[in-house]
């Protein structure tokens, strides 16, 4: 494998700011890395909303830039260009950036985001591992939304994964094993875990009937879980304000329907409540035969991705 350091370029000012942040931190504590990539499965735009919220707080500083010219297939995701009268006047290139951000009380952390690489996944994962070691990151935490047969009238569930799920107690286990389409984000977690780094991820359960719409309740659930796991102060007041607005919009749409979806949602409510009563069991699927199997979940993921790709086209 080629040198993974060739895949990114450090920004001197960002590295200096990061060094100062690390020096000011308590002895023996490292920074947290939060990461999410656009383009793969993100039902309800859960991960995208979290990233946007994190980067809106203050002015993040770029620490490293990845070589998007090697990683992104432009013909699959064409970047925007602006034509004004008789010439091209602007170009918005894709960017995969590692940025230094701060929480509500000024504590530093890192955010890695951008389009999911189309190529060189292994080298990309190795490059991130190199950065994790270079900057002595204590925990790498990822997040995204997945479509599930759950109702919007119940709390958003989360599936934690990684080798530090002890930092996210109290979440029921929905299934034992599933084979789903791979992603660069999942490979990064897999390789970091192999290398002995602490990793944690959250998959937010988004009602499948609104998976293609923005669902702020899922983003809020991720923020709260990340805050609890990392100790960072990550308030999401703007996202919380949107939660009730979206619920009202959903109810308005349901009131204009023929009742079929409402009946289906009531069925999911009963299923959800029944499953919630067995959260202390090893596997919820062992007690609820009408929940989707691992194969069915994999098929639903593939269908969701196919619909997402058709929508992008």
C-alpha atoms as a PDB file:
ATOM      1  CA  UNK A   1       0.000   0.000   0.000  1.00  0.00           C
ATOM      2  CA  UNK A   2       1.190   3.506  -0.754  1.00  0.00           C
ATOM      3  CA  UNK A   3       1.971   5.959   2.019  1.00  0.00           C
ATOM      4  CA  UNK A   4      -1.389   7.150   3.427  1.00  0.00           C
ATOM      5  CA  UNK A   5       0.184  10.512   4.266  1.00  0.00           C
ATOM      6  CA  UNK A   6       0.125  11.264   0.539  1.00  0.00           C
ATOM      7  CA  UNK A   7      -3.666  11.343   0.679  1.00  0.00           C
ATOM      8  CA  UNK A   8      -3.956  14.448   2.856  1.00  0.00           C
ATOM      9  CA  UNK A   9      -2.278  17.799   3.395  1.00  0.00           C
ATOM     10  CA  UNK A  10      -1.966  19.454   6.794  1.00  0.00           C
ATOM     11  CA  UNK A  11      -2.920  23.098   7.241  1.00  0.00           C
ATOM     12  CA  UNK A  12      -0.204  24.803   9.365  1.00  0.00           C
ATOM     13  CA  UNK A  13      -2.538  27.238  11.137  1.00  0.00           C
ATOM     14  CA  UNK A  14      -5.004  24.497  11.981  1.00  0.00           C
ATOM     15  CA  UNK A  15      -2.246  22.202  13.257  1.00  0.00           C
ATOM     16  CA  UNK A  16      -0.904  25.018  15.449  1.00  0.00           C
ATOM     17  CA  UNK A  17      -4.382  25.683  16.873  1.00  0.00           C
ATOM     18  CA  UNK A  18      -4.850  21.971  17.481  1.00  0.00           C
ATOM     19  CA  UNK A  19      -1.508  21.742  19.298  1.00  0.00           C
ATOM     20  CA  UNK A  20      -2.506  24.653  21.526  1.00  0.00           C
ATOM     21  CA  UNK A  21      -5.864  23.007  22.256  1.00  0.00           C
ATOM     22  CA  UNK A  22      -4.168  19.739  23.181  1.00  0.00           C
ATOM     23  CA  UNK A  23      -1.667  21.546  25.411  1.00  0.00           C
ATOM     24  CA  UNK A  24      -4.493  23.323  27.225  1.00  0.00           C
ATOM     25  CA  UNK A  25      -6.425  20.106  27.807  1.00  0.00           C
ATOM     26  CA  UNK A  26      -6.131  18.154  31.021  1.00  0.00           C
ATOM     27  CA  UNK A  27      -3.133  15.843  31.194  1.00  0.00           C
ATOM     28  CA  UNK A  28      -3.821  12.366  29.887  1.00  0.00           C
ATOM     29  CA  UNK A  29      -6.932  13.297  27.919  1.00  0.00           C
ATOM     30  CA  UNK A  30      -7.095  13.267  24.152  1.00  0.00           C
ATOM     31  CA  UNK A  31      -9.482  14.844  21.690  1.00  0.00           C
ATOM     32  CA  UNK A  32     -12.630  13.263  20.301  1.00  0.00           C
ATOM     33  CA  UNK A  33     -13.124  12.806  16.543  1.00  0.00           C
ATOM     34  CA  UNK A  34     -16.679  12.963  15.199  1.00  0.00           C
ATOM     35  CA  UNK A  35     -17.045  11.856  11.580  1.00  0.00           C
ATOM     36  CA  UNK A  36     -19.725  11.380   8.939  1.00  0.00           C
ATOM     37  CA  UNK A  37     -19.519  11.204   5.144  1.00  0.00           C
ATOM     38  CA  UNK A  38     -22.165  12.263   2.629  1.00  0.00           C
ATOM     39  CA  UNK A  39     -23.467   9.997  -0.094  1.00  0.00           C
ATOM     40  CA  UNK A  40     -24.068   6.704   1.679  1.00  0.00           C
ATOM     41  CA  UNK A  41     -27.097   5.780   3.748  1.00  0.00           C
ATOM     42  CA  UNK A  42     -28.291   8.624   5.956  1.00  0.00           C
ATOM     43  CA  UNK A  43     -32.026   8.213   6.480  1.00  0.00           C
ATOM     44  CA  UNK A  44     -33.725  11.377   7.646  1.00  0.00           C
ATOM     45  CA  UNK A  45     -30.494  13.290   6.911  1.00  0.00           C
ATOM     46  CA  UNK A  46     -29.645  12.467  10.528  1.00  0.00           C
ATOM     47  CA  UNK A  47     -25.867  12.544  10.185  1.00  0.00           C
ATOM     48  CA  UNK A  48     -25.893  15.484   7.804  1.00  0.00           C
ATOM     49  CA  UNK A  49     -27.929  17.575  10.228  1.00  0.00           C
ATOM     50  CA  UNK A  50     -25.556  16.761  13.084  1.00  0.00           C
ATOM     51  CA  UNK A  51     -22.500  17.782  11.044  1.00  0.00           C
ATOM     52  CA  UNK A  52     -24.140  21.025   9.932  1.00  0.00           C
ATOM     53  CA  UNK A  53     -25.015  21.831  13.536  1.00  0.00           C
ATOM     54  CA  UNK A  54     -21.495  21.083  14.815  1.00  0.00           C
ATOM     55  CA  UNK A  55     -19.829  23.254  12.186  1.00  0.00           C
ATOM     56  CA  UNK A  56     -22.243  26.149  12.671  1.00  0.00           C
ATOM     57  CA  UNK A  57     -21.034  26.628  16.235  1.00  0.00           C
ATOM     58  CA  UNK A  58     -18.161  29.131  16.086  1.00  0.00           C
ATOM     59  CA  UNK A  59     -15.581  29.160  13.304  1.00  0.00           C
ATOM     60  CA  UNK A  60     -13.975  25.749  12.722  1.00  0.00           C
ATOM     61  CA  UNK A  61     -10.337  25.659  11.605  1.00  0.00           C
ATOM     62  CA  UNK A  62      -9.173  23.296   8.889  1.00  0.00           C
ATOM     63  CA  UNK A  63      -6.483  20.927  10.176  1.00  0.00           C
ATOM     64  CA  UNK A  64      -6.157  18.635   7.150  1.00  0.00           C
ATOM     65  CA  UNK A  65      -7.474  18.472   3.584  1.00  0.00           C
ATOM     66  CA  UNK A  66      -7.864  15.193   1.760  1.00  0.00           C
ATOM     67  CA  UNK A  67      -7.025  14.907  -1.929  1.00  0.00           C
ATOM     68  CA  UNK A  68     -10.558  14.927  -3.330  1.00  0.00           C
ATOM     69  CA  UNK A  69      -9.200  14.731  -6.867  1.00  0.00           C
ATOM     70  CA  UNK A  70      -8.096  11.169  -6.103  1.00  0.00           C
ATOM     71  CA  UNK A  71     -11.053  10.174  -3.967  1.00  0.00           C
ATOM     72  CA  UNK A  72     -14.170  11.564  -5.675  1.00  0.00           C
ATOM     73  CA  UNK A  73     -15.759  10.400  -8.925  1.00  0.00           C
ATOM     74  CA  UNK A  74     -16.906  13.704 -10.421  1.00  0.00           C
ATOM     75  CA  UNK A  75     -19.152  12.053 -12.998  1.00  0.00           C
ATOM     76  CA  UNK A  76     -21.071  10.258 -10.239  1.00  0.00           C
ATOM     77  CA  UNK A  77     -21.471  13.415  -8.151  1.00  0.00           C
ATOM     78  CA  UNK A  78     -20.913  16.412 -10.357  1.00  0.00           C
ATOM     79  CA  UNK A  79     -19.813  19.526  -8.424  1.00  0.00           C
ATOM     80  CA  UNK A  80     -21.714  22.752  -8.981  1.00  0.00           C
ATOM     81  CA  UNK A  81     -20.380  25.433 -11.316  1.00  0.00           C
ATOM     82  CA  UNK A  82     -21.816  28.889 -11.930  1.00  0.00           C
ATOM     83  CA  UNK A  83     -22.233  30.346 -15.410  1.00  0.00           C
ATOM     84  CA  UNK A  84     -22.813  34.104 -15.520  1.00  0.00           C
ATOM     85  CA  UNK A  85     -23.706  35.597 -18.909  1.00  0.00           C
ATOM     86  CA  UNK A  86     -20.735  34.579 -21.047  1.00  0.00           C
ATOM     87  CA  UNK A  87     -18.319  32.816 -18.690  1.00  0.00           C
ATOM     88  CA  UNK A  88     -17.869  30.423 -15.811  1.00  0.00           C
ATOM     89  CA  UNK A  89     -17.520  32.460 -12.642  1.00  0.00           C
ATOM     90  CA  UNK A  90     -17.458  29.977  -9.797  1.00  0.00           C
ATOM     91  CA  UNK A  91     -16.669  26.359  -8.979  1.00  0.00           C
ATOM     92  CA  UNK A  92     -17.675  24.541  -5.789  1.00  0.00           C
ATOM     93  CA  UNK A  93     -15.272  21.596  -5.465  1.00  0.00           C
ATOM     94  CA  UNK A  94     -15.982  18.694  -3.143  1.00  0.00           C
ATOM     95  CA  UNK A  95     -13.977  18.837   0.070  1.00  0.00           C
ATOM     96  CA  UNK A  96     -13.100  16.202   2.646  1.00  0.00           C
ATOM     97  CA  UNK A  97     -11.878  18.147   5.656  1.00  0.00           C
ATOM     98  CA  UNK A  98     -10.634  17.494   9.160  1.00  0.00           C
ATOM     99  CA  UNK A  99     -11.616  20.538  11.206  1.00  0.00           C
ATOM    100  CA  UNK A 100     -11.050  21.730  14.748  1.00  0.00           C
ATOM    101  CA  UNK A 101     -14.292  22.809  16.430  1.00  0.00           C
ATOM    102  CA  UNK A 102     -15.344  23.717  19.966  1.00  0.00           C
ATOM    103  CA  UNK A 103     -18.367  22.811  22.021  1.00  0.00           C
ATOM    104  CA  UNK A 104     -20.649  25.169  23.953  1.00  0.00           C
ATOM    105  CA  UNK A 105     -18.109  25.638  26.753  1.00  0.00           C
ATOM    106  CA  UNK A 106     -15.069  25.938  24.503  1.00  0.00           C
ATOM    107  CA  UNK A 107     -13.787  22.356  24.715  1.00  0.00           C
ATOM    108  CA  UNK A 108     -12.038  21.363  21.451  1.00  0.00           C
ATOM    109  CA  UNK A 109     -12.904  18.375  19.287  1.00  0.00           C
ATOM    110  CA  UNK A 110     -12.371  17.321  15.684  1.00  0.00           C
ATOM    111  CA  UNK A 111     -14.918  16.911  12.881  1.00  0.00           C
ATOM    112  CA  UNK A 112     -14.152  14.929   9.725  1.00  0.00           C
ATOM    113  CA  UNK A 113     -16.690  15.208   6.938  1.00  0.00           C
ATOM    114  CA  UNK A 114     -17.235  15.531   3.214  1.00  0.00           C
ATOM    115  CA  UNK A 115     -18.401  13.270   0.385  1.00  0.00           C
ATOM    116  CA  UNK A 116     -17.819   9.564   0.871  1.00  0.00           C
ATOM    117  CA  UNK A 117     -14.749   8.569  -1.168  1.00  0.00           C
ATOM    118  CA  UNK A 118     -15.502   6.610  -4.321  1.00  0.00           C
ATOM    119  CA  UNK A 119     -12.048   5.060  -4.520  1.00  0.00           C
ATOM    120  CA  UNK A 120      -9.040   4.052  -2.398  1.00  0.00           C
ATOM    121  CA  UNK A 121     -11.061   3.160   0.688  1.00  0.00           C
ATOM    122  CA  UNK A 122      -8.225   1.207   2.265  1.00  0.00           C
ATOM    123  CA  UNK A 123      -5.738   4.041   1.820  1.00  0.00           C
ATOM    124  CA  UNK A 124      -8.330   6.498   3.102  1.00  0.00           C
ATOM    125  CA  UNK A 125      -8.926   4.400   6.225  1.00  0.00           C
ATOM    126  CA  UNK A 126      -5.176   4.133   6.762  1.00  0.00           C
ATOM    127  CA  UNK A 127      -4.830   7.913   6.410  1.00  0.00           C
ATOM    128  CA  UNK A 128      -7.476   8.485   9.074  1.00  0.00           C
ATOM    129  CA  UNK A 129      -5.750   5.973  11.352  1.00  0.00           C
ATOM    130  CA  UNK A 130      -2.537   7.927  10.816  1.00  0.00           C
ATOM    131  CA  UNK A 131      -4.267  11.163  11.863  1.00  0.00           C
ATOM    132  CA  UNK A 132      -5.843   9.460  14.875  1.00  0.00           C
ATOM    133  CA  UNK A 133      -2.384   8.398  16.030  1.00  0.00           C
ATOM    134  CA  UNK A 134      -0.689  11.662  15.078  1.00  0.00           C
ATOM    135  CA  UNK A 135      -3.128  13.756  17.105  1.00  0.00           C
ATOM    136  CA  UNK A 136      -3.619  11.200  19.887  1.00  0.00           C
ATOM    137  CA  UNK A 137      -7.382  11.009  19.420  1.00  0.00           C
ATOM    138  CA  UNK A 138      -8.959   9.121  22.314  1.00  0.00           C
ATOM    139  CA  UNK A 139     -12.286   8.228  20.666  1.00  0.00           C
ATOM    140  CA  UNK A 140     -13.513   8.203  17.055  1.00  0.00           C
ATOM    141  CA  UNK A 141     -17.296   8.473  16.878  1.00  0.00           C
ATOM    142  CA  UNK A 142     -19.407   8.116  13.721  1.00  0.00           C
ATOM    143  CA  UNK A 143     -23.137   8.487  13.117  1.00  0.00           C
ATOM    144  CA  UNK A 144     -25.855   8.209  10.476  1.00  0.00           C
ATOM    145  CA  UNK A 145     -29.544   7.380  10.055  1.00  0.00           C
ATOM    146  CA  UNK A 146     -31.007   4.055   8.930  1.00  0.00           C
ATOM    147  CA  UNK A 147     -34.591   3.353   7.747  1.00  0.00           C
ATOM    148  CA  UNK A 148     -36.516   1.159  10.177  1.00  0.00           C
ATOM    149  CA  UNK A 149     -40.075  -0.075  10.614  1.00  0.00           C
ATOM    150  CA  UNK A 150     -40.662   2.231  13.580  1.00  0.00           C
ATOM    151  CA  UNK A 151     -43.319   4.940  14.117  1.00  0.00           C
ATOM    152  CA  UNK A 152     -42.574   8.640  14.414  1.00  0.00           C
ATOM    153  CA  UNK A 153     -44.826   8.739  17.472  1.00  0.00           C
ATOM    154  CA  UNK A 154     -42.237   6.955  19.612  1.00  0.00           C
ATOM    155  CA  UNK A 155     -38.743   7.959  20.805  1.00  0.00           C
ATOM    156  CA  UNK A 156     -35.934   7.598  18.278  1.00  0.00           C
ATOM    157  CA  UNK A 157     -33.975   4.414  18.869  1.00  0.00           C
ATOM    158  CA  UNK A 158     -30.232   4.079  18.400  1.00  0.00           C
ATOM    159  CA  UNK A 159     -28.020   1.130  17.584  1.00  0.00           C
ATOM    160  CA  UNK A 160     -24.542   1.706  19.065  1.00  0.00           C
ATOM    161  CA  UNK A 161     -21.590  -0.176  17.563  1.00  0.00           C
ATOM    162  CA  UNK A 162     -17.840  -0.389  17.971  1.00  0.00           C
ATOM    163  CA  UNK A 163     -15.622  -1.461  20.854  1.00  0.00           C
ATOM    164  CA  UNK A 164     -16.781   1.250  23.268  1.00  0.00           C
ATOM    165  CA  UNK A 165     -20.517   0.633  23.430  1.00  0.00           C
ATOM    166  CA  UNK A 166     -20.033   0.726  27.203  1.00  0.00           C
ATOM    167  CA  UNK A 167     -20.140   4.502  26.711  1.00  0.00           C
ATOM    168  CA  UNK A 168     -23.705   4.179  25.392  1.00  0.00           C
ATOM    169  CA  UNK A 169     -25.605   1.944  27.837  1.00  0.00           C
ATOM    170  CA  UNK A 170     -29.342   1.321  27.810  1.00  0.00           C
ATOM    171  CA  UNK A 171     -29.922   0.770  24.105  1.00  0.00           C
ATOM    172  CA  UNK A 172     -31.728  -2.470  23.210  1.00  0.00           C
ATOM    173  CA  UNK A 173     -30.154  -4.911  20.781  1.00  0.00           C
ATOM    174  CA  UNK A 174     -32.325  -5.117  17.668  1.00  0.00           C
ATOM    175  CA  UNK A 175     -30.606  -7.935  15.800  1.00  0.00           C
ATOM    176  CA  UNK A 176     -27.610 -10.222  16.064  1.00  0.00           C
ATOM    177  CA  UNK A 177     -26.170 -10.220  12.560  1.00  0.00           C
ATOM    178  CA  UNK A 178     -26.893  -8.573   9.218  1.00  0.00           C
ATOM    179  CA  UNK A 179     -24.989  -8.309   5.951  1.00  0.00           C
ATOM    180  CA  UNK A 180     -25.501  -4.878   4.383  1.00  0.00           C
ATOM    181  CA  UNK A 181     -23.770  -2.843   1.658  1.00  0.00           C
ATOM    182  CA  UNK A 182     -20.397  -1.571   2.835  1.00  0.00           C
ATOM    183  CA  UNK A 183     -19.347   2.050   3.223  1.00  0.00           C
ATOM    184  CA  UNK A 184     -16.115   3.977   3.663  1.00  0.00           C
ATOM    185  CA  UNK A 185     -17.419   5.124   7.035  1.00  0.00           C
ATOM    186  CA  UNK A 186     -17.914   1.540   8.216  1.00  0.00           C
ATOM    187  CA  UNK A 187     -14.509   0.498   6.866  1.00  0.00           C
ATOM    188  CA  UNK A 188     -12.825   3.328   8.779  1.00  0.00           C
ATOM    189  CA  UNK A 189     -14.416   2.077  11.993  1.00  0.00           C
ATOM    190  CA  UNK A 190     -13.452  -1.511  11.173  1.00  0.00           C
ATOM    191  CA  UNK A 191      -9.792  -0.639  10.508  1.00  0.00           C
ATOM    192  CA  UNK A 192      -9.514   1.640  13.550  1.00  0.00           C
ATOM    193  CA  UNK A 193     -10.949  -1.124  15.704  1.00  0.00           C
ATOM    194  CA  UNK A 194      -8.463  -3.614  14.212  1.00  0.00           C
ATOM    195  CA  UNK A 195      -5.637  -1.239  15.095  1.00  0.00           C
ATOM    196  CA  UNK A 196      -6.770  -1.100  18.714  1.00  0.00           C
ATOM    197  CA  UNK A 197      -8.256   2.407  18.721  1.00  0.00           C
ATOM    198  CA  UNK A 198     -11.413   3.253  20.659  1.00  0.00           C
ATOM    199  CA  UNK A 199     -14.391   3.602  18.309  1.00  0.00           C
ATOM    200  CA  UNK A 200     -18.099   4.137  18.763  1.00  0.00           C
ATOM    201  CA  UNK A 201     -20.882   4.644  16.257  1.00  0.00           C
ATOM    202  CA  UNK A 202     -24.579   5.461  16.396  1.00  0.00           C
ATOM    203  CA  UNK A 203     -27.178   4.404  13.826  1.00  0.00           C
ATOM    204  CA  UNK A 204     -30.383   6.361  14.433  1.00  0.00           C
ATOM    205  CA  UNK A 205     -33.635   4.539  13.608  1.00  0.00           C
ATOM    206  CA  UNK A 206     -35.696   6.686  11.240  1.00  0.00           C
ATOM    207  CA  UNK A 207     -39.277   5.739  10.274  1.00  0.00           C
ATOM    208  CA  UNK A 208     -38.938   4.240   6.804  1.00  0.00           C
ATOM    209  CA  UNK A 209     -41.896   6.226   5.449  1.00  0.00           C
ATOM    210  CA  UNK A 210     -40.055   9.517   6.016  1.00  0.00           C
ATOM    211  CA  UNK A 211     -36.495   8.284   5.483  1.00  0.00           C
ATOM    212  CA  UNK A 212     -35.988  10.546   2.467  1.00  0.00           C
ATOM    213  CA  UNK A 213     -37.033  13.678   4.356  1.00  0.00           C
ATOM    214  CA  UNK A 214     -35.232  15.667   7.018  1.00  0.00           C
ATOM    215  CA  UNK A 215     -35.972  14.162  10.431  1.00  0.00           C
ATOM    216  CA  UNK A 216     -34.442  16.350  13.167  1.00  0.00           C
ATOM    217  CA  UNK A 217     -35.557  14.042  15.993  1.00  0.00           C
ATOM    218  CA  UNK A 218     -32.925  11.531  14.819  1.00  0.00           C
ATOM    219  CA  UNK A 219     -30.204  14.206  14.790  1.00  0.00           C
ATOM    220  CA  UNK A 220     -31.168  15.272  18.323  1.00  0.00           C
ATOM    221  CA  UNK A 221     -30.969  11.661  19.509  1.00  0.00           C
ATOM    222  CA  UNK A 222     -27.466  11.358  18.036  1.00  0.00           C
ATOM    223  CA  UNK A 223     -26.332  14.626  19.615  1.00  0.00           C
ATOM    224  CA  UNK A 224     -27.589  13.580  23.031  1.00  0.00           C
ATOM    225  CA  UNK A 225     -25.919  10.178  22.784  1.00  0.00           C
ATOM    226  CA  UNK A 226     -22.636  11.700  21.571  1.00  0.00           C
ATOM    227  CA  UNK A 227     -22.719  14.240  24.374  1.00  0.00           C
ATOM    228  CA  UNK A 228     -23.243  11.518  26.964  1.00  0.00           C
ATOM    229  CA  UNK A 229     -20.489   9.319  25.519  1.00  0.00           C
ATOM    230  CA  UNK A 230     -17.838  12.016  25.065  1.00  0.00           C
ATOM    231  CA  UNK A 231     -18.496  14.586  27.771  1.00  0.00           C
ATOM    232  CA  UNK A 232     -18.733  17.338  25.149  1.00  0.00           C
ATOM    233  CA  UNK A 233     -21.483  19.928  25.548  1.00  0.00           C
ATOM    234  CA  UNK A 234     -23.405  19.750  22.272  1.00  0.00           C
ATOM    235  CA  UNK A 235     -26.701  21.616  22.641  1.00  0.00           C
ATOM    236  CA  UNK A 236     -29.024  21.368  19.686  1.00  0.00           C
ATOM    237  CA  UNK A 237     -31.653  24.004  20.434  1.00  0.00           C
ATOM    238  CA  UNK A 238     -32.222  24.781  16.755  1.00  0.00           C
ATOM    239  CA  UNK A 239     -32.696  21.117  15.920  1.00  0.00           C
ATOM    240  CA  UNK A 240     -35.013  20.622  18.899  1.00  0.00           C
ATOM    241  CA  UNK A 241     -37.126  23.550  17.736  1.00  0.00           C
ATOM    242  CA  UNK A 242     -37.554  21.816  14.389  1.00  0.00           C
ATOM    243  CA  UNK A 243     -38.665  18.512  15.920  1.00  0.00           C
ATOM    244  CA  UNK A 244     -42.206  19.635  16.763  1.00  0.00           C
ATOM    245  CA  UNK A 245     -42.507  21.459  13.442  1.00  0.00           C
ATOM    246  CA  UNK A 246     -41.695  18.280  11.526  1.00  0.00           C
ATOM    247  CA  UNK A 247     -44.056  16.218  13.683  1.00  0.00           C
ATOM    248  CA  UNK A 248     -46.826  18.713  12.886  1.00  0.00           C
ATOM    249  CA  UNK A 249     -46.025  18.458   9.167  1.00  0.00           C
ATOM    250  CA  UNK A 250     -46.189  14.661   9.327  1.00  0.00           C
ATOM    251  CA  UNK A 251     -49.520  14.727  11.116  1.00  0.00           C
ATOM    252  CA  UNK A 252     -50.855  17.182   8.550  1.00  0.00           C
ATOM    253  CA  UNK A 253     -49.829  14.849   5.731  1.00  0.00           C
ATOM    254  CA  UNK A 254     -51.426  11.899   7.508  1.00  0.00           C
ATOM    255  CA  UNK A 255     -54.685  13.779   7.978  1.00  0.00           C
ATOM    256  CA  UNK A 256     -54.899  14.258   4.210  1.00  0.00           C
ATOM    257  CA  UNK A 257     -54.294  10.569   3.477  1.00  0.00           C
ATOM    258  CA  UNK A 258     -56.721   7.695   3.110  1.00  0.00           C
ATOM    259  CA  UNK A 259     -55.979   6.189   6.506  1.00  0.00           C
ATOM    260  CA  UNK A 260     -53.921   3.270   5.230  1.00  0.00           C
ATOM    261  CA  UNK A 261     -50.622   4.730   6.437  1.00  0.00           C
ATOM    262  CA  UNK A 262     -52.206   5.741   9.747  1.00  0.00           C
ATOM    263  CA  UNK A 263     -53.304   2.140  10.282  1.00  0.00           C
ATOM    264  CA  UNK A 264     -49.806   0.929   9.425  1.00  0.00           C
ATOM    265  CA  UNK A 265     -48.309   3.373  11.921  1.00  0.00           C
ATOM    266  CA  UNK A 266     -50.671   2.137  14.616  1.00  0.00           C
ATOM    267  CA  UNK A 267     -49.486  -1.370  13.895  1.00  0.00           C
ATOM    268  CA  UNK A 268     -45.865  -0.251  14.250  1.00  0.00           C
ATOM    269  CA  UNK A 269     -46.742   1.467  17.538  1.00  0.00           C
ATOM    270  CA  UNK A 270     -48.046  -1.802  18.921  1.00  0.00           C
ATOM    271  CA  UNK A 271     -44.973  -3.626  17.675  1.00  0.00           C
ATOM    272  CA  UNK A 272     -42.643  -0.987  19.137  1.00  0.00           C
ATOM    273  CA  UNK A 273     -44.380  -1.086  22.518  1.00  0.00           C
ATOM    274  CA  UNK A 274     -44.276  -4.882  22.592  1.00  0.00           C
ATOM    275  CA  UNK A 275     -40.563  -4.904  21.802  1.00  0.00           C
ATOM    276  CA  UNK A 276     -39.863  -2.211  24.394  1.00  0.00           C
ATOM    277  CA  UNK A 277     -41.142  -4.591  27.026  1.00  0.00           C
ATOM    278  CA  UNK A 278     -38.330  -7.063  26.361  1.00  0.00           C
ATOM    279  CA  UNK A 279     -35.354  -4.687  26.248  1.00  0.00           C
ATOM    280  CA  UNK A 280     -33.580  -6.703  28.915  1.00  0.00           C
ATOM    281  CA  UNK A 281     -33.412  -9.777  26.654  1.00  0.00           C
ATOM    282  CA  UNK A 282     -30.248 -10.559  24.700  1.00  0.00           C
ATOM    283  CA  UNK A 283     -31.894 -10.069  21.319  1.00  0.00           C
ATOM    284  CA  UNK A 284     -35.196  -8.382  20.575  1.00  0.00           C
ATOM    285  CA  UNK A 285     -35.645 -10.486  17.462  1.00  0.00           C
ATOM    286  CA  UNK A 286     -35.733 -13.569  19.625  1.00  0.00           C
ATOM    287  CA  UNK A 287     -38.944 -12.288  21.229  1.00  0.00           C
ATOM    288  CA  UNK A 288     -40.641 -10.526  18.334  1.00  0.00           C
ATOM    289  CA  UNK A 289     -41.023 -12.719  15.291  1.00  0.00           C
ATOM    290  CA  UNK A 290     -42.831 -10.063  13.279  1.00  0.00           C
ATOM    291  CA  UNK A 291     -39.824  -7.741  13.292  1.00  0.00           C
ATOM    292  CA  UNK A 292     -37.738  -7.798  10.072  1.00  0.00           C
ATOM    293  CA  UNK A 293     -35.017 -10.419   9.826  1.00  0.00           C
ATOM    294  CA  UNK A 294     -31.388  -9.553   9.208  1.00  0.00           C
ATOM    295  CA  UNK A 295     -31.795 -10.451   5.519  1.00  0.00           C
ATOM    296  CA  UNK A 296     -34.886  -8.241   5.285  1.00  0.00           C
ATOM    297  CA  UNK A 297     -33.020  -5.350   6.899  1.00  0.00           C
ATOM    298  CA  UNK A 298     -30.202  -5.766   4.394  1.00  0.00           C
ATOM    299  CA  UNK A 299     -32.699  -5.780   1.535  1.00  0.00           C
ATOM    300  CA  UNK A 300     -34.384  -2.641   2.860  1.00  0.00           C
ATOM    301  CA  UNK A 301     -31.013  -0.904   3.112  1.00  0.00           C
ATOM    302  CA  UNK A 302     -30.240  -1.793  -0.486  1.00  0.00           C
ATOM    303  CA  UNK A 303     -33.661  -0.555  -1.636  1.00  0.00           C
ATOM    304  CA  UNK A 304     -33.170   2.698   0.264  1.00  0.00           C
ATOM    305  CA  UNK A 305     -29.770   3.224  -1.343  1.00  0.00           C
ATOM    306  CA  UNK A 306     -31.158   2.458  -4.800  1.00  0.00           C
ATOM    307  CA  UNK A 307     -33.949   5.004  -4.304  1.00  0.00           C
ATOM    308  CA  UNK A 308     -31.410   7.538  -3.024  1.00  0.00           C
ATOM    309  CA  UNK A 309     -29.250   7.068  -6.120  1.00  0.00           C
ATOM    310  CA  UNK A 310     -32.234   7.376  -8.462  1.00  0.00           C
ATOM    311  CA  UNK A 311     -33.264  10.569  -6.679  1.00  0.00           C
ATOM    312  CA  UNK A 312     -29.765  12.005  -7.081  1.00  0.00           C
ATOM    313  CA  UNK A 313     -29.855  11.286 -10.807  1.00  0.00           C
END
